Amino acid sequence: MKKVLITGATSGIGRSLALKYLQAGNIVGITGRRAELLEEIKSQYPERTFVSAFDVTDRVACEKSIDGLCEAMGGVDLFIYNSGYGKSTKDLDPEIESRTVDVNVSGFVTAVNHMFCYFVKNGIRGHIAATSSVASTKGLGAAPAYSATKKFIAVYMEALEQKSAMIGAGLKFTTIKPGFIDTDFIKGDSYPLTMDKEYAVRRIYRAIERGKRVKIIDWRWSVVVSLWRLIPRWLWVRLRIS
C-alpha cells in the first residue's frame, strides 16, 4: 500500500488518478481549490482519503497544507503535481499568460521543491511525478506561456533528478507529457488526436508505476513529437499551429 499525494485532483486527470490509486487500495491525499469536489472523492473512500483545499499559487498555504497532509497520512511515498493552467490567447492576454506562469511555474516549484526537501529530510526514497505536455516540445504561438511553462516543468524535473543523484537521495522522477485529453481543460474546443480520459489515465498510471523517467501519452503523439523535433526553427516559426 502506497501513500500518494496528488495536487489538482478536483477534476480531469488528477481526479481520475486519485480514484485509480484509491481503487488499488492506497492511501491518497488530494488537493485543489474546490473543496466540495475533493469531498466527493473522500465520501467514496472516507478512511483512506485525506483532503486539503488551497491554491498552489499561495506559497504559504501550499507548503502548510502539504505538511499537514504528510502528517495526517503518516508520510508520503509518491507525490504527483498535476495542477495546471493554460489557454490559447489570440491577443496575448496578460491575465491568461500571468496565471499560466503562476500555476505552472511558481506553484509547481513551491510544491515540488517542498516535497523534494521532505523526502531528503526524512530519508525517504520517494517518487515525484509531474504533468508536463507535448506542448513542451516547441514554442507554440497560440499558447506561448503554456508551451514555455510545460517546457520549464520538464527541464526542472530533469535538474531535480540530477540533484538527487548528486546528494545520493535516491529519488525517482517521472515527467508525463500528454497530448489532448477529453477533460474540462479543453471543453468546448476541437483538437486533433484527442484521447479518451480514462484511456489516457490508465497509461499515465502505468508510466508512474513503472517508474518511467519521461512518458509521452500516447503512441500517436510520440510520432507527432518526433516529427516536430525534425522541423528546423526557421520553418517552425512560419507554421500556423494552433
Protein backbone atom coordinates (compact mmCIF):
# COMPACT_ATOMS: atom_id res chain seq x y z
CA MET A 1 0.00 0.00 0.00
CA LYS A 2 1.37 3.37 -1.06
CA LYS A 3 0.78 6.82 0.35
CA VAL A 4 0.10 9.09 -2.59
CA LEU A 5 -0.33 12.88 -2.61
CA ILE A 6 -1.90 14.45 -5.71
CA THR A 7 -2.39 18.14 -6.47
CA GLY A 8 -5.07 19.33 -8.88
CA ALA A 9 -7.39 16.45 -8.04
CA THR A 10 -10.74 18.23 -8.33
CA SER A 11 -11.29 17.22 -11.96
CA GLY A 12 -9.76 15.76 -15.10
CA ILE A 13 -6.56 13.73 -14.94
CA GLY A 14 -5.94 14.45 -11.26
CA ARG A 15 -9.37 13.28 -10.13
CA SER A 16 -9.19 10.11 -12.21
CA LEU A 17 -5.67 9.34 -10.96
CA ALA A 18 -6.81 9.82 -7.36
CA LEU A 19 -9.68 7.39 -7.86
CA LYS A 20 -7.40 4.88 -9.57
CA TYR A 21 -4.93 4.91 -6.68
CA LEU A 22 -7.78 4.63 -4.17
CA GLN A 23 -9.33 1.74 -6.07
CA ALA A 24 -5.94 0.00 -5.86
CA GLY A 25 -6.12 0.20 -2.05
CA ASN A 26 -3.71 3.06 -1.43
CA ILE A 27 -3.88 5.99 0.99
CA VAL A 28 -4.37 9.15 -1.04
CA GLY A 29 -4.11 12.84 -0.20
CA ILE A 30 -5.87 15.17 -2.63
CA THR A 31 -5.69 18.91 -3.13
CA GLY A 32 -7.34 21.57 -5.27
CA ARG A 33 -9.17 24.86 -4.94
CA ARG A 34 -12.72 23.47 -4.82
CA ALA A 35 -13.24 21.73 -1.50
CA GLU A 36 -16.65 20.33 -2.40
CA LEU A 37 -15.22 18.34 -5.31
CA LEU A 38 -12.47 16.91 -3.12
CA GLU A 39 -15.06 15.91 -0.51
CA GLU A 40 -16.96 13.98 -3.18
CA ILE A 41 -13.93 11.72 -3.60
CA LYS A 42 -13.46 11.41 0.15
CA SER A 43 -17.10 10.31 0.56
CA GLN A 44 -16.34 7.24 -1.57
CA TYR A 45 -13.23 6.23 0.38
CA PRO A 46 -13.52 8.06 3.72
CA GLU A 47 -10.90 6.05 5.61
CA ARG A 48 -8.14 6.33 3.01
CA THR A 49 -8.68 9.82 1.58
CA PHE A 50 -7.20 12.99 3.04
CA VAL A 51 -8.28 16.39 1.77
CA SER A 52 -6.82 19.90 1.77
CA ALA A 53 -8.23 22.72 -0.34
CA PHE A 54 -5.82 25.51 -1.35
CA ASP A 55 -4.44 27.38 -4.33
CA VAL A 56 -0.93 26.25 -5.30
CA THR A 57 -0.01 29.85 -6.18
CA ASP A 58 -0.30 30.75 -2.48
CA ARG A 59 3.15 29.65 -1.33
CA VAL A 60 2.46 29.76 2.42
CA ALA A 61 -0.84 27.90 2.14
CA CYS A 62 0.68 25.36 -0.25
CA GLU A 63 3.62 24.46 1.99
CA LYS A 64 1.48 24.42 5.14
CA SER A 65 -1.18 22.23 3.56
CA ILE A 66 1.35 19.77 2.15
CA ASP A 67 2.95 19.46 5.58
CA GLY A 68 -0.47 18.86 7.11
CA LEU A 69 -1.31 16.13 4.63
CA CYS A 70 2.06 14.42 5.05
CA GLU A 71 1.49 14.29 8.80
CA ALA A 72 -2.15 13.19 8.56
CA MET A 73 -1.31 10.44 6.08
CA GLY A 74 1.60 9.16 8.14
CA GLY A 75 4.04 10.03 5.37
CA VAL A 76 4.09 10.14 1.56
CA ASP A 77 5.79 7.80 -0.91
CA LEU A 78 4.61 9.30 -4.20
CA PHE A 79 3.89 12.95 -5.00
CA ILE A 80 2.09 13.86 -8.23
CA TYR A 81 1.97 17.51 -9.30
CA ASN A 82 -1.00 17.72 -11.61
CA SER A 83 -2.14 21.30 -11.08
CA GLY A 84 -2.10 23.18 -14.35
CA TYR A 85 -3.49 26.12 -16.24
CA GLY A 86 -3.37 27.35 -19.81
CA LYS A 87 -5.49 28.67 -22.66
CA SER A 88 -5.00 29.76 -26.22
CA THR A 89 -4.62 33.52 -26.36
CA LYS A 90 -5.09 35.25 -29.73
CA ASP A 91 -4.40 38.67 -28.27
CA LEU A 92 -1.66 37.57 -25.85
CA ASP A 93 -3.97 38.22 -22.90
CA PRO A 94 -1.76 39.21 -19.92
CA GLU A 95 -4.18 37.66 -17.43
CA ILE A 96 -4.00 34.26 -19.13
CA GLU A 97 -0.24 34.41 -19.58
CA SER A 98 0.44 35.51 -15.99
CA ARG A 99 -1.95 32.99 -14.45
CA THR A 100 -0.33 30.23 -16.51
CA VAL A 101 3.12 31.14 -15.17
CA ASP A 102 1.78 31.43 -11.61
CA VAL A 103 0.33 27.90 -11.62
CA ASN A 104 2.67 26.02 -13.96
CA VAL A 105 5.92 27.56 -12.72
CA SER A 106 5.56 29.25 -9.32
CA GLY A 107 3.06 26.77 -7.90
CA PHE A 108 4.97 23.85 -9.37
CA VAL A 109 8.31 24.99 -7.93
CA THR A 110 6.83 25.60 -4.49
CA ALA A 111 5.13 22.22 -4.24
CA VAL A 112 7.80 20.07 -5.88
CA ASN A 113 10.68 21.70 -4.01
CA HIS A 114 8.82 21.24 -0.73
CA MET A 115 8.29 17.55 -1.41
CA PHE A 116 11.87 17.09 -2.59
CA CYS A 117 13.12 18.54 0.70
CA TYR A 118 10.57 16.49 2.65
CA PHE A 119 11.86 13.25 1.12
CA VAL A 120 15.51 14.18 1.66
CA LYS A 121 14.99 15.39 5.24
CA ASN A 122 13.17 12.21 6.23
CA GLY A 123 15.44 9.81 4.34
CA ILE A 124 12.58 8.65 2.12
CA ARG A 125 13.46 7.35 -1.35
CA GLY A 126 10.30 8.85 -2.71
CA HIS A 127 8.91 9.37 -6.17
CA ILE A 128 7.93 12.72 -7.73
CA ALA A 129 5.79 12.81 -10.87
CA ALA A 130 4.63 15.91 -12.73
CA THR A 131 2.36 16.60 -15.67
CA SER A 132 4.10 18.44 -18.48
CA SER A 133 2.74 18.28 -22.05
CA VAL A 134 3.66 17.53 -25.64
CA ALA A 135 3.36 21.31 -25.96
CA SER A 136 6.76 21.49 -24.27
CA THR A 137 8.39 20.24 -27.47
CA LYS A 138 8.28 23.56 -29.32
CA GLY A 139 7.17 27.12 -28.65
CA LEU A 140 3.51 27.44 -29.65
CA GLY A 141 2.35 30.84 -30.85
CA ALA A 142 -1.24 30.02 -29.95
CA ALA A 143 -0.28 29.47 -26.30
CA PRO A 144 3.17 30.96 -25.55
CA ALA A 145 3.09 30.76 -21.76
CA TYR A 146 1.58 27.29 -21.77
CA SER A 147 4.21 25.73 -24.02
CA ALA A 148 7.03 27.57 -22.25
CA THR A 149 5.90 26.63 -18.74
CA LYS A 150 5.43 22.99 -19.70
CA LYS A 151 8.99 23.03 -21.02
CA PHE A 152 10.07 24.53 -17.70
CA ILE A 153 8.45 21.62 -15.84
CA ALA A 154 10.23 19.04 -17.99
CA VAL A 155 13.67 20.66 -17.61
CA TYR A 156 13.21 21.31 -13.88
CA MET A 157 12.31 17.66 -13.28
CA GLU A 158 15.47 16.60 -15.10
CA ALA A 159 17.51 19.02 -12.98
CA LEU A 160 15.99 17.70 -9.75
CA GLU A 161 16.82 14.14 -10.79
CA GLN A 162 20.43 15.19 -11.27
CA LYS A 163 20.42 16.97 -7.90
CA SER A 164 19.03 13.85 -6.23
CA ALA A 165 21.87 11.81 -7.73
CA MET A 166 24.44 14.40 -6.64
CA ILE A 167 23.38 14.21 -2.99
CA GLY A 168 22.62 10.47 -3.03
CA ALA A 169 18.93 10.93 -2.20
CA GLY A 170 17.81 8.10 -4.47
CA LEU A 171 14.58 9.76 -5.53
CA LYS A 172 12.64 8.76 -8.65
CA PHE A 173 11.15 11.22 -11.14
CA THR A 174 8.51 10.84 -13.82
CA THR A 175 7.58 13.55 -16.30
CA ILE A 176 4.29 12.91 -18.07
CA LYS A 177 3.70 14.54 -21.47
CA PRO A 178 0.12 14.04 -22.62
CA GLY A 179 -1.43 15.18 -25.85
CA PHE A 180 -5.01 16.46 -25.88
CA ILE A 181 -7.26 14.64 -23.40
CA ASP A 182 -11.05 14.85 -23.27
CA THR A 183 -11.39 16.75 -19.99
CA ASP A 184 -12.88 20.07 -18.88
CA PHE A 185 -9.47 21.60 -19.62
CA ILE A 186 -10.29 21.65 -23.36
CA LYS A 187 -14.08 21.60 -23.07
CA GLY A 188 -15.83 23.46 -25.88
CA ASP A 189 -12.87 23.30 -28.26
CA SER A 190 -11.97 20.86 -31.02
CA TYR A 191 -8.43 19.46 -31.10
CA PRO A 192 -6.76 16.73 -33.17
CA LEU A 193 -5.91 13.31 -31.73
CA THR A 194 -7.94 13.95 -28.57
CA MET A 195 -7.76 10.94 -26.23
CA ASP A 196 -10.45 9.47 -24.02
CA LYS A 197 -9.71 10.49 -20.44
CA GLU A 198 -9.79 7.02 -18.89
CA TYR A 199 -7.63 5.62 -21.70
CA ALA A 200 -5.04 8.34 -21.05
CA VAL A 201 -5.16 7.98 -17.27
CA ARG A 202 -4.51 4.23 -17.49
CA ARG A 203 -1.34 4.96 -19.43
CA ILE A 204 -0.28 7.74 -17.08
CA TYR A 205 -0.84 5.46 -14.09
CA ARG A 206 1.16 2.68 -15.72
CA ALA A 207 4.04 5.04 -16.58
CA ILE A 208 4.26 6.27 -12.99
CA GLU A 209 4.05 2.79 -11.51
CA ARG A 210 6.77 1.55 -13.84
CA GLY A 211 8.99 4.46 -12.88
CA LYS A 212 9.34 5.87 -16.39
CA ARG A 213 11.52 8.99 -16.48
CA VAL A 214 9.61 10.61 -19.36
CA LYS A 215 6.44 9.32 -20.97
CA ILE A 216 4.53 10.77 -23.91
CA ILE A 217 0.85 9.82 -23.87
CA ASP A 218 0.12 8.08 -26.34
CA TRP A 219 1.92 6.47 -29.33
CA ARG A 220 0.26 8.79 -31.84
CA TRP A 221 1.59 11.81 -30.00
CA SER A 222 5.02 10.17 -29.82
CA VAL A 223 5.01 10.16 -33.62
CA VAL A 224 3.86 13.79 -33.77
CA VAL A 225 6.53 14.90 -31.30
CA SER A 226 9.23 13.04 -33.24
CA LEU A 227 8.16 14.86 -36.41
CA TRP A 228 8.02 18.24 -34.66
CA ARG A 229 11.60 17.79 -33.47
CA LEU A 230 12.77 17.39 -37.06
CA ILE A 231 11.38 20.75 -38.12
CA PRO A 232 14.07 23.48 -38.13
CA ARG A 233 13.31 26.68 -36.27
CA TRP A 234 13.23 28.88 -39.40
CA LEU A 235 10.41 26.72 -40.75
CA TRP A 236 8.63 26.11 -37.44
CA VAL A 237 8.07 29.81 -36.75
CA ARG A 238 6.37 30.14 -40.13
CA LEU A 239 3.84 27.36 -39.46
CA ARG A 240 0.30 28.07 -38.28
CA ILE A 241 -0.07 25.57 -35.43
CA SER A 242 -2.94 26.12 -33.01
